[in-house]
Amino acid sequence: MPSTDDPHRHANARATLPRARGFDNTLSLLAEGYGFMTRRHAALGSDAFFTRLLLRRALCVRGEDAARMFWQPGRFTRRRALPPTTLKLLQDVGSVATLDGDMHRQRKAMFMGLFGPLERQRLVALAEAQWRARFTHWPDRMSVNVHREAEEVLCRAVCEWIGIPPLADAEASRRTRELAAMIAAAGSAGPRAWRALLVRNRTEHWARALVDAVRAGRIRPPAHSPLCVIAGHRDADGMLLNRRHAAVELLNLLRPTVAVARYIAFAVLALHAHPQARARIAAGDDAYTAMFTQEVRRYYPFFPAVAGRALHDFDWRGMRIDKGTWVLMDIHGTNHDPALWGDPQVFRPERFERREGSGFDLVAQGGGDHYAGHRCPGESATVDLVASTLKLFAGEIAYEVPPQDLSVSLRRMPTLPASGMVIERVRVRQGSAPSVAFRGR
């Protein structure tokens, strides 16, 4: 019997792993979006295949077993794993996502400490206050774009939560637009991405100024606020974060929180598509609301994939993954894997009723352990924010959904309902669960 280090065995294993057609599939990825890997998994009859993207050999994988492989702590690095524009817009060099080993563990522990239960409750309460303030003005408006409103609600709430001094209305709107531009352009190339990078530079300059002001004592946020914690954080080497990396991490709280607006738009779309759920959510059925929220995160597309480079050689499924191998973990494909979900194209919150998640099945924001690995530290806050917004829309306002384009393109990354999810004729209701009049889809 050959040993696991037999080079002939590895060569044979590689030879049996299918390869996607075409010399380089970069243009196909940009054209097909979320469906790129899904179509090839189906056509090749395999949850793993090789291809070439950006002239680099890539291993594309999906499924629970692949997620266990990919999110094994210490196995992959995010450095040089993402296209430079995507990295800059979503994480940036020096961020927690690009660190490994002790540096990653200590920085990640800092982030996880910011998202404890009480801090999440505070963030949710700030967002709810922002929503209710907006509800009072919506009856006077012809229509409301839920996605755009959610972006500004979340930007204002997270700025206050972080400890940033109060923003004037014009500045809050500007910061919202800047953060939203980074998110929207993260999956694009060319002029759109370049414009977003210019916006990113302006926003990062503002964030550096905030860090400098805290360190100089010109502003004094609460001692346990994220702004104060980041400004005073020391990494595993004992060194204070340099001002640029501190600003990067500040943006890595702001931008992902604003990105939750996409889940909120999808959640309101799901309420429209499944009106029977409204009464249960409005009545305070927290268990059902939690299931509904998780199904929103599973069913609707967020970011399509995450990439990593192997830090060392290891074996997986009888084959050798060499150090430096570029691996793309198919997030959307795993959340729609028939082997995991049975009927993945059906929106069915009840699937979570008795489901004991493995940590590697629902991977909307990563898999595995939040502390040791690269799973998003703000995932629980995302769930809380979406669930609380569902309760507000189901229980505190009535509205109509006018005819509009609610299609969700899988070619656009990241995607949205085409219309942004528009509502109109909003009425504030108190003391009862309002109904919604549906006038089109």
Protein backbone atom coordinates (compact mmCIF):
# COMPACT_ATOMS: atom_id res chain seq x y z
CA MET A 1 0.00 0.00 0.00
CA PRO A 2 1.56 3.35 -0.98
CA SER A 3 2.17 5.92 1.73
CA THR A 4 0.33 9.24 1.74
CA ASP A 5 3.59 10.83 0.61
CA ASP A 6 3.88 8.71 -2.53
CA PRO A 7 4.33 11.28 -5.36
CA HIS A 8 2.81 8.93 -7.94
CA ARG A 9 -0.35 8.67 -5.84
CA HIS A 10 -0.65 12.47 -5.70
CA ALA A 11 -0.09 12.76 -9.44
CA ASN A 12 -2.82 10.20 -10.12
CA ALA A 13 -5.21 11.98 -7.77
CA ARG A 14 -4.60 15.25 -9.57
CA ALA A 15 -5.14 13.59 -12.91
CA THR A 16 -8.60 12.38 -11.88
CA LEU A 17 -9.79 15.77 -10.63
CA PRO A 18 -11.75 17.42 -13.45
CA ARG A 19 -10.69 20.62 -15.12
CA ALA A 20 -13.04 23.25 -16.47
CA ARG A 21 -12.92 23.86 -20.19
CA GLY A 22 -11.02 26.87 -21.50
CA PHE A 23 -7.49 28.13 -21.07
CA ASP A 24 -8.57 30.95 -18.72
CA ASN A 25 -12.07 31.50 -17.34
CA THR A 26 -11.75 35.02 -15.93
CA LEU A 27 -14.19 36.51 -18.43
CA SER A 28 -16.63 33.67 -17.82
CA LEU A 29 -16.51 34.35 -14.08
CA LEU A 30 -17.22 38.04 -14.60
CA ALA A 31 -20.06 37.24 -17.03
CA GLU A 32 -21.69 34.46 -15.00
CA GLY A 33 -21.15 35.72 -11.46
CA TYR A 34 -22.55 33.51 -8.74
CA GLY A 35 -23.39 30.77 -11.22
CA PHE A 36 -19.86 30.31 -12.56
CA MET A 37 -18.78 27.58 -10.15
CA THR A 38 -22.26 26.10 -9.72
CA ARG A 39 -22.56 25.41 -13.46
CA ARG A 40 -19.18 23.74 -13.60
CA HIS A 41 -19.77 21.68 -10.48
CA ALA A 42 -22.90 20.37 -12.19
CA ALA A 43 -21.36 19.90 -15.64
CA LEU A 44 -18.28 18.12 -14.28
CA GLY A 45 -20.19 16.12 -11.67
CA SER A 46 -17.73 17.13 -8.98
CA ASP A 47 -17.58 19.38 -5.91
CA ALA A 48 -13.96 20.20 -6.78
CA PHE A 49 -12.37 21.16 -10.07
CA PHE A 50 -9.37 23.00 -11.43
CA THR A 51 -9.55 26.05 -13.66
CA ARG A 52 -7.47 29.08 -14.50
CA LEU A 53 -8.46 32.60 -13.40
CA LEU A 54 -6.40 35.74 -13.92
CA LEU A 55 -3.92 33.37 -15.59
CA ARG A 56 -3.48 31.56 -12.26
CA ARG A 57 -4.31 27.92 -11.60
CA ALA A 58 -7.19 27.69 -9.13
CA LEU A 59 -8.92 24.89 -7.28
CA CYS A 60 -12.65 25.59 -6.91
CA VAL A 61 -14.50 23.69 -4.16
CA ARG A 62 -17.91 23.61 -2.49
CA GLY A 63 -19.76 21.67 0.20
CA GLU A 64 -19.43 20.87 3.88
CA ASP A 65 -16.31 18.74 3.50
CA ALA A 66 -14.64 21.45 1.43
CA ALA A 67 -15.60 24.06 4.03
CA ARG A 68 -13.97 21.96 6.77
CA MET A 69 -10.85 21.78 4.65
CA PHE A 70 -10.83 25.46 3.81
CA TRP A 71 -11.56 26.93 7.24
CA GLN A 72 -9.11 24.71 9.13
CA PRO A 73 -7.18 27.21 11.30
CA GLY A 74 -3.66 27.83 10.08
CA ARG A 75 -4.19 26.14 6.72
CA PHE A 76 -4.77 29.11 4.41
CA THR A 77 -3.72 32.72 4.19
CA ARG A 78 -5.75 35.50 2.61
CA ARG A 79 -2.56 37.31 1.55
CA ARG A 80 -2.26 37.52 -2.24
CA ALA A 81 -5.44 35.44 -2.53
CA LEU A 82 -7.84 38.17 -3.69
CA PRO A 83 -7.59 40.51 -6.69
CA PRO A 84 -5.91 43.72 -5.47
CA THR A 85 -8.97 45.92 -6.00
CA THR A 86 -11.26 43.50 -4.15
CA LEU A 87 -8.78 43.22 -1.28
CA LYS A 88 -8.45 46.99 -1.02
CA LEU A 89 -12.20 47.60 -1.09
CA LEU A 90 -13.22 44.83 1.30
CA GLN A 91 -10.34 44.24 3.72
CA ASP A 92 -7.03 45.89 2.82
CA VAL A 93 -3.46 44.97 3.65
CA GLY A 94 -2.80 44.93 7.39
CA SER A 95 -6.37 44.03 8.32
CA VAL A 96 -7.25 41.11 10.58
CA ALA A 97 -8.33 39.08 7.54
CA THR A 98 -4.82 39.23 6.05
CA LEU A 99 -3.00 38.15 9.23
CA ASP A 100 -1.96 34.64 10.25
CA GLY A 101 -0.76 32.88 13.40
CA ASP A 102 -0.44 34.73 16.69
CA MET A 103 -0.95 38.11 15.03
CA HIS A 104 -4.31 36.96 13.66
CA ARG A 105 -5.42 35.36 16.93
CA GLN A 106 -4.74 38.46 19.01
CA ARG A 107 -6.30 40.87 16.52
CA LYS A 108 -9.31 38.56 16.08
CA ALA A 109 -9.77 38.34 19.86
CA MET A 110 -9.96 42.14 19.91
CA PHE A 111 -12.73 42.08 17.29
CA MET A 112 -14.64 39.29 19.00
CA GLY A 113 -14.53 41.27 22.24
CA LEU A 114 -16.33 44.10 20.48
CA PHE A 115 -19.27 41.85 19.55
CA GLY A 116 -20.31 40.48 22.91
CA PRO A 117 -24.05 40.11 23.66
CA LEU A 118 -24.42 43.47 25.40
CA GLU A 119 -22.57 45.33 22.66
CA ARG A 120 -24.70 43.67 19.99
CA GLN A 121 -27.82 44.69 21.90
CA ARG A 122 -26.57 48.25 21.97
CA LEU A 123 -25.95 48.26 18.22
CA VAL A 124 -29.39 46.81 17.53
CA ALA A 125 -31.04 49.38 19.80
CA LEU A 126 -29.27 52.21 17.97
CA ALA A 127 -30.40 50.82 14.61
CA GLU A 128 -33.98 50.43 15.84
CA ALA A 129 -34.00 54.05 16.98
CA GLN A 130 -32.82 55.12 13.55
CA TRP A 131 -35.53 53.03 11.84
CA ARG A 132 -38.31 54.44 14.05
CA ALA A 133 -37.14 57.99 13.42
CA ARG A 134 -37.38 57.33 9.68
CA PHE A 135 -40.77 55.62 9.96
CA THR A 136 -42.31 58.89 11.17
CA HIS A 137 -41.34 60.61 7.88
CA TRP A 138 -42.19 57.81 5.46
CA PRO A 139 -45.97 58.47 5.32
CA ASP A 140 -45.16 61.81 3.67
CA ARG A 141 -43.05 60.22 0.95
CA MET A 142 -44.21 58.86 -2.38
CA SER A 143 -41.99 55.80 -2.07
CA VAL A 144 -39.12 54.38 -0.04
CA ASN A 145 -36.13 52.38 -1.34
CA VAL A 146 -35.51 49.91 1.47
CA HIS A 147 -31.91 49.16 0.53
CA ARG A 148 -30.83 52.80 0.41
CA GLU A 149 -32.66 53.60 3.65
CA ALA A 150 -31.08 50.60 5.37
CA GLU A 151 -27.59 51.72 4.34
CA GLU A 152 -28.01 55.10 6.01
CA VAL A 153 -29.75 53.65 9.07
CA LEU A 154 -26.89 51.23 9.59
CA CYS A 155 -24.18 53.81 8.88
CA ARG A 156 -25.59 56.24 11.44
CA ALA A 157 -26.13 53.47 14.00
CA VAL A 158 -22.68 51.92 13.65
CA CYS A 159 -20.93 55.31 13.78
CA GLU A 160 -22.65 56.08 17.08
CA TRP A 161 -21.94 52.55 18.35
CA ILE A 162 -18.26 52.83 17.48
CA GLY A 163 -17.93 56.09 19.42
CA ILE A 164 -17.53 58.51 16.52
CA PRO A 165 -18.66 62.03 17.47
CA PRO A 166 -22.15 62.86 16.14
CA LEU A 167 -22.24 63.42 12.39
CA ALA A 168 -24.19 66.20 10.74
CA ASP A 169 -26.82 64.99 8.30
CA ALA A 170 -24.75 65.90 5.23
CA GLU A 171 -21.67 64.08 6.53
CA ALA A 172 -23.66 60.99 7.55
CA SER A 173 -25.10 60.81 4.04
CA ARG A 174 -21.65 61.25 2.51
CA ARG A 175 -20.10 58.51 4.66
CA THR A 176 -22.98 56.22 3.78
CA ARG A 177 -22.41 56.78 0.06
CA GLU A 178 -18.68 56.18 0.41
CA LEU A 179 -19.06 52.90 2.30
CA ALA A 180 -21.82 51.74 -0.05
CA ALA A 181 -19.62 52.46 -3.08
CA MET A 182 -16.88 50.19 -1.74
CA ILE A 183 -19.33 47.34 -1.25
CA ALA A 184 -21.03 47.73 -4.62
CA ALA A 185 -17.74 47.78 -6.57
CA ALA A 186 -16.02 44.93 -4.74
CA GLY A 187 -16.88 42.37 -7.41
CA SER A 188 -16.21 44.60 -10.39
CA ALA A 189 -13.20 45.66 -12.43
CA GLY A 190 -12.27 48.70 -14.45
CA PRO A 191 -13.54 52.28 -13.96
CA ARG A 192 -16.19 51.38 -11.41
CA ALA A 193 -13.61 49.76 -9.14
CA TRP A 194 -11.13 52.60 -9.67
CA ARG A 195 -13.72 55.20 -8.65
CA ALA A 196 -14.51 53.18 -5.54
CA LEU A 197 -10.80 53.05 -4.67
CA LEU A 198 -10.63 56.85 -4.80
CA VAL A 199 -13.62 56.99 -2.47
CA ARG A 200 -11.93 54.46 -0.19
CA ASN A 201 -8.84 56.67 0.10
CA ARG A 202 -10.97 59.63 1.21
CA THR A 203 -12.81 57.55 3.79
CA GLU A 204 -9.60 56.05 5.13
CA HIS A 205 -8.14 59.54 5.56
CA TRP A 206 -11.18 60.43 7.69
CA ALA A 207 -10.75 57.24 9.74
CA ARG A 208 -7.05 57.96 10.33
CA ALA A 209 -7.96 61.42 11.56
CA LEU A 210 -10.36 59.87 14.09
CA VAL A 211 -7.65 57.52 15.38
CA ASP A 212 -5.18 60.41 15.63
CA ALA A 213 -7.71 62.52 17.51
CA VAL A 214 -8.32 59.76 20.07
CA ARG A 215 -4.60 59.18 20.61
CA ALA A 216 -3.99 62.91 20.99
CA GLY A 217 -6.88 63.29 23.44
CA ARG A 218 -8.81 65.67 21.19
CA ILE A 219 -11.84 63.38 21.30
CA ARG A 220 -12.63 61.05 24.16
CA PRO A 221 -14.98 58.20 23.20
CA PRO A 222 -16.20 55.86 25.96
CA ALA A 223 -13.41 53.64 27.27
CA HIS A 224 -14.89 50.40 25.92
CA SER A 225 -16.13 51.81 22.63
CA PRO A 226 -14.72 50.23 19.44
CA LEU A 227 -13.02 53.50 18.47
CA CYS A 228 -11.19 53.66 21.80
CA VAL A 229 -10.32 49.94 21.74
CA ILE A 230 -8.92 50.04 18.19
CA ALA A 231 -6.96 53.24 18.81
CA GLY A 232 -5.32 51.64 21.85
CA HIS A 233 -4.90 48.07 20.58
CA ARG A 234 -1.52 46.35 20.71
CA ASP A 235 -0.81 43.31 18.57
CA ALA A 236 1.00 40.12 19.54
CA ASP A 237 4.35 41.92 19.05
CA GLY A 238 3.35 44.42 21.74
CA MET A 239 3.33 47.30 19.29
CA LEU A 240 0.53 49.83 19.04
CA LEU A 241 -1.30 49.51 15.72
CA ASN A 242 0.11 51.99 13.25
CA ARG A 243 -2.40 54.67 12.37
CA ARG A 244 -3.10 53.32 8.90
CA HIS A 245 -3.86 49.80 10.09
CA ALA A 246 -6.01 51.18 12.91
CA ALA A 247 -7.99 53.16 10.31
CA VAL A 248 -8.30 50.03 8.16
CA GLU A 249 -9.78 48.11 11.09
CA LEU A 250 -12.15 50.98 11.86
CA LEU A 251 -13.44 50.73 8.28
CA ASN A 252 -13.69 46.97 8.76
CA LEU A 253 -16.38 47.66 11.34
CA LEU A 254 -18.15 50.39 9.40
CA ARG A 255 -18.28 48.90 5.91
CA PRO A 256 -19.49 45.36 6.77
CA THR A 257 -22.24 46.80 8.95
CA VAL A 258 -23.48 48.94 6.07
CA ALA A 259 -23.30 45.84 3.85
CA VAL A 260 -25.98 44.23 6.06
CA ALA A 261 -28.40 46.55 4.21
CA ARG A 262 -28.33 44.00 1.38
CA TYR A 263 -29.57 41.26 3.69
CA ILE A 264 -32.25 43.66 4.96
CA ALA A 265 -33.45 44.36 1.39
CA PHE A 266 -33.60 40.62 0.81
CA ALA A 267 -35.41 40.05 4.12
CA VAL A 268 -38.14 42.57 3.18
CA LEU A 269 -38.34 40.95 -0.25
CA ALA A 270 -38.79 37.57 1.48
CA LEU A 271 -41.62 39.02 3.61
CA HIS A 272 -43.28 40.13 0.38
CA ALA A 273 -42.80 36.76 -1.30
CA HIS A 274 -43.96 34.82 1.79
CA PRO A 275 -46.69 36.97 3.41
CA GLN A 276 -47.79 34.12 5.69
CA ALA A 277 -44.62 34.69 7.71
CA ARG A 278 -45.56 38.25 8.64
CA ALA A 279 -48.09 37.42 11.34
CA ARG A 280 -45.71 35.06 13.17
CA ILE A 281 -42.89 37.60 13.13
CA ALA A 282 -45.20 40.47 14.15
CA ALA A 283 -46.60 38.38 17.02
CA GLY A 284 -43.14 38.07 18.55
CA ASP A 285 -42.34 34.49 17.55
CA ASP A 286 -38.60 34.88 18.09
CA ALA A 287 -37.81 31.28 17.20
CA TYR A 288 -39.52 31.62 13.83
CA THR A 289 -37.93 35.03 13.23
CA ALA A 290 -34.50 33.47 13.83
CA MET A 291 -35.25 30.68 11.34
CA PHE A 292 -36.53 33.17 8.79
CA THR A 293 -33.39 35.28 9.20
CA GLN A 294 -31.10 32.28 8.71
CA GLU A 295 -33.01 31.24 5.60
CA VAL A 296 -32.58 34.75 4.19
CA ARG A 297 -28.84 34.40 4.71
CA ARG A 298 -28.79 30.96 3.11
CA TYR A 299 -31.14 31.54 0.19
CA TYR A 300 -30.23 35.01 -1.07
CA PRO A 301 -26.79 35.72 -2.59
CA PHE A 302 -24.32 37.77 -0.61
CA PHE A 303 -20.66 37.39 -1.60
CA PRO A 304 -20.10 34.49 -4.00
CA ALA A 305 -16.82 33.00 -2.82
CA VAL A 306 -13.76 33.47 -0.63
CA ALA A 307 -10.20 32.72 -1.64
CA GLY A 308 -7.09 31.52 0.15
CA ARG A 309 -3.57 30.29 -0.55
CA ALA A 310 -2.35 27.13 1.18
CA LEU A 311 0.27 27.90 3.82
CA HIS A 312 1.71 24.39 3.68
CA ASP A 313 1.26 21.04 1.96
CA PHE A 314 -1.65 18.90 3.19
CA ASP A 315 -3.77 15.97 2.04
CA TRP A 316 -7.45 16.24 1.21
CA ARG A 317 -9.61 13.51 -0.28
CA GLY A 318 -6.54 11.46 -1.06
CA MET A 319 -4.76 14.18 -2.97
CA ARG A 320 -1.97 16.55 -2.09
CA ILE A 321 -2.76 20.25 -1.89
CA ASP A 322 0.62 21.90 -2.36
CA LYS A 323 1.80 24.95 -0.48
CA GLY A 324 0.75 28.05 -2.39
CA THR A 325 -2.26 26.41 -4.08
CA TRP A 326 -4.94 29.00 -4.78
CA VAL A 327 -8.31 27.72 -3.54
CA LEU A 328 -11.70 29.35 -4.12
CA MET A 329 -14.36 28.28 -1.64
CA ASP A 330 -17.81 28.53 -3.27
CA ILE A 331 -19.98 30.21 -0.60
CA HIS A 332 -23.11 30.57 -2.72
CA GLY A 333 -22.76 27.04 -4.07
CA THR A 334 -22.36 25.57 -0.59
CA ASN A 335 -25.42 27.43 0.68
CA HIS A 336 -27.31 25.91 -2.28
CA ASP A 337 -25.68 22.48 -2.23
CA PRO A 338 -28.41 19.81 -2.74
CA ALA A 339 -26.39 17.38 -0.64
CA LEU A 340 -26.71 19.74 2.33
CA TRP A 341 -30.09 21.37 1.85
CA GLY A 342 -32.21 18.92 -0.16
CA ASP A 343 -34.36 21.55 -1.85
CA PRO A 344 -31.93 24.49 -1.94
CA GLN A 345 -33.93 26.58 -4.43
CA VAL A 346 -36.96 26.65 -2.10
CA PHE A 347 -37.19 29.36 0.59
CA ARG A 348 -38.18 27.33 3.66
CA PRO A 349 -37.32 28.74 7.12
CA GLU A 350 -38.58 25.56 8.81
CA ARG A 351 -35.47 23.73 7.60
CA PHE A 352 -33.67 25.34 10.58
CA GLU A 353 -36.26 24.22 13.14
CA ARG A 354 -34.35 21.19 14.38
CA ARG A 355 -31.15 21.61 12.44
CA GLU A 356 -27.93 21.43 14.42
CA GLY A 357 -25.48 23.32 12.28
CA SER A 358 -21.96 21.98 11.93
CA GLY A 359 -20.40 25.39 11.42
CA PHE A 360 -19.51 24.31 7.89
CA ASP A 361 -22.92 24.09 6.24
CA LEU A 362 -24.37 27.61 6.38
CA VAL A 363 -21.29 29.59 5.33
CA ALA A 364 -22.76 32.95 4.34
CA GLN A 365 -20.06 34.71 6.38
CA GLY A 366 -17.49 31.96 6.65
CA GLY A 367 -17.18 28.65 8.44
CA GLY A 368 -15.57 27.08 11.48
CA ASP A 369 -14.54 28.75 14.71
CA HIS A 370 -14.92 32.52 14.98
CA TYR A 371 -11.91 32.94 17.27
CA ALA A 372 -9.34 30.66 15.64
CA GLY A 373 -10.28 31.03 11.98
CA HIS A 374 -11.25 33.66 9.46
CA ARG A 375 -15.00 33.52 10.03
CA CYS A 376 -16.58 36.99 10.16
CA PRO A 377 -16.49 38.30 13.77
CA GLY A 378 -19.65 40.35 13.16
CA GLU A 379 -21.80 37.43 12.03
CA SER A 380 -23.94 37.39 15.18
CA ALA A 381 -24.47 41.14 14.88
CA THR A 382 -25.62 40.62 11.28
CA VAL A 383 -28.20 38.07 12.41
CA ASP A 384 -29.41 40.36 15.20
CA LEU A 385 -29.72 43.39 12.91
CA VAL A 386 -31.69 41.52 10.25
CA ALA A 387 -33.99 39.87 12.80
CA SER A 388 -34.75 43.15 14.57
CA THR A 389 -35.51 44.87 11.25
CA LEU A 390 -37.88 42.08 10.26
CA LYS A 391 -39.79 42.61 13.50
CA LEU A 392 -40.08 46.34 12.85
CA PHE A 393 -41.29 45.93 9.27
CA ALA A 394 -43.72 43.17 10.23
CA GLY A 395 -45.05 44.70 13.42
CA GLU A 396 -44.72 48.48 13.41
CA ILE A 397 -45.50 49.69 9.90
CA ALA A 398 -47.97 48.91 7.14
CA TYR A 399 -47.06 49.54 3.53
CA GLU A 400 -47.76 48.57 -0.03
CA VAL A 401 -45.40 46.98 -2.50
CA PRO A 402 -45.87 48.61 -5.91
CA PRO A 403 -45.10 46.89 -9.22
CA GLN A 404 -41.34 46.91 -9.71
CA ASP A 405 -38.46 44.75 -10.89
CA LEU A 406 -37.72 42.43 -7.98
CA SER A 407 -35.52 40.07 -9.97
CA VAL A 408 -32.15 39.19 -8.44
CA SER A 409 -29.38 38.94 -11.01
CA LEU A 410 -26.80 36.26 -10.29
CA ARG A 411 -24.42 37.95 -12.71
CA ARG A 412 -24.00 41.04 -10.52
CA MET A 413 -21.59 40.62 -7.59
CA PRO A 414 -22.67 41.55 -4.96
CA THR A 415 -26.28 41.51 -6.05
CA LEU A 416 -29.59 43.04 -4.95
CA PRO A 417 -33.23 43.08 -5.97
CA ALA A 418 -33.07 45.12 -9.18
CA SER A 419 -35.32 47.85 -7.75
CA GLY A 420 -33.62 47.91 -4.34
CA MET A 421 -36.99 46.82 -2.86
CA VAL A 422 -39.37 49.78 -3.01
CA ILE A 423 -42.35 50.26 -0.72
CA GLU A 424 -44.97 53.03 -0.64
CA ARG A 425 -48.00 54.32 1.28
CA VAL A 426 -46.31 53.64 4.58
CA ARG A 427 -48.40 53.91 7.75
CA VAL A 428 -47.06 53.68 11.27
CA ARG A 429 -49.07 51.22 13.30
CA GLN A 430 -49.01 50.85 17.05
CA GLY A 431 -50.51 48.20 19.26
CA SER A 432 -51.22 45.69 16.51
CA ALA A 433 -49.43 43.81 13.75
CA PRO A 434 -50.08 45.65 10.49
CA SER A 435 -50.92 43.98 7.24
CA VAL A 436 -49.37 44.73 3.88
CA ALA A 437 -51.24 45.28 0.65
CA PHE A 438 -49.51 43.62 -2.29
CA ARG A 439 -50.08 45.26 -5.65
CA GLY A 440 -47.46 43.56 -7.73
CA ARG A 441 -44.27 41.56 -7.79
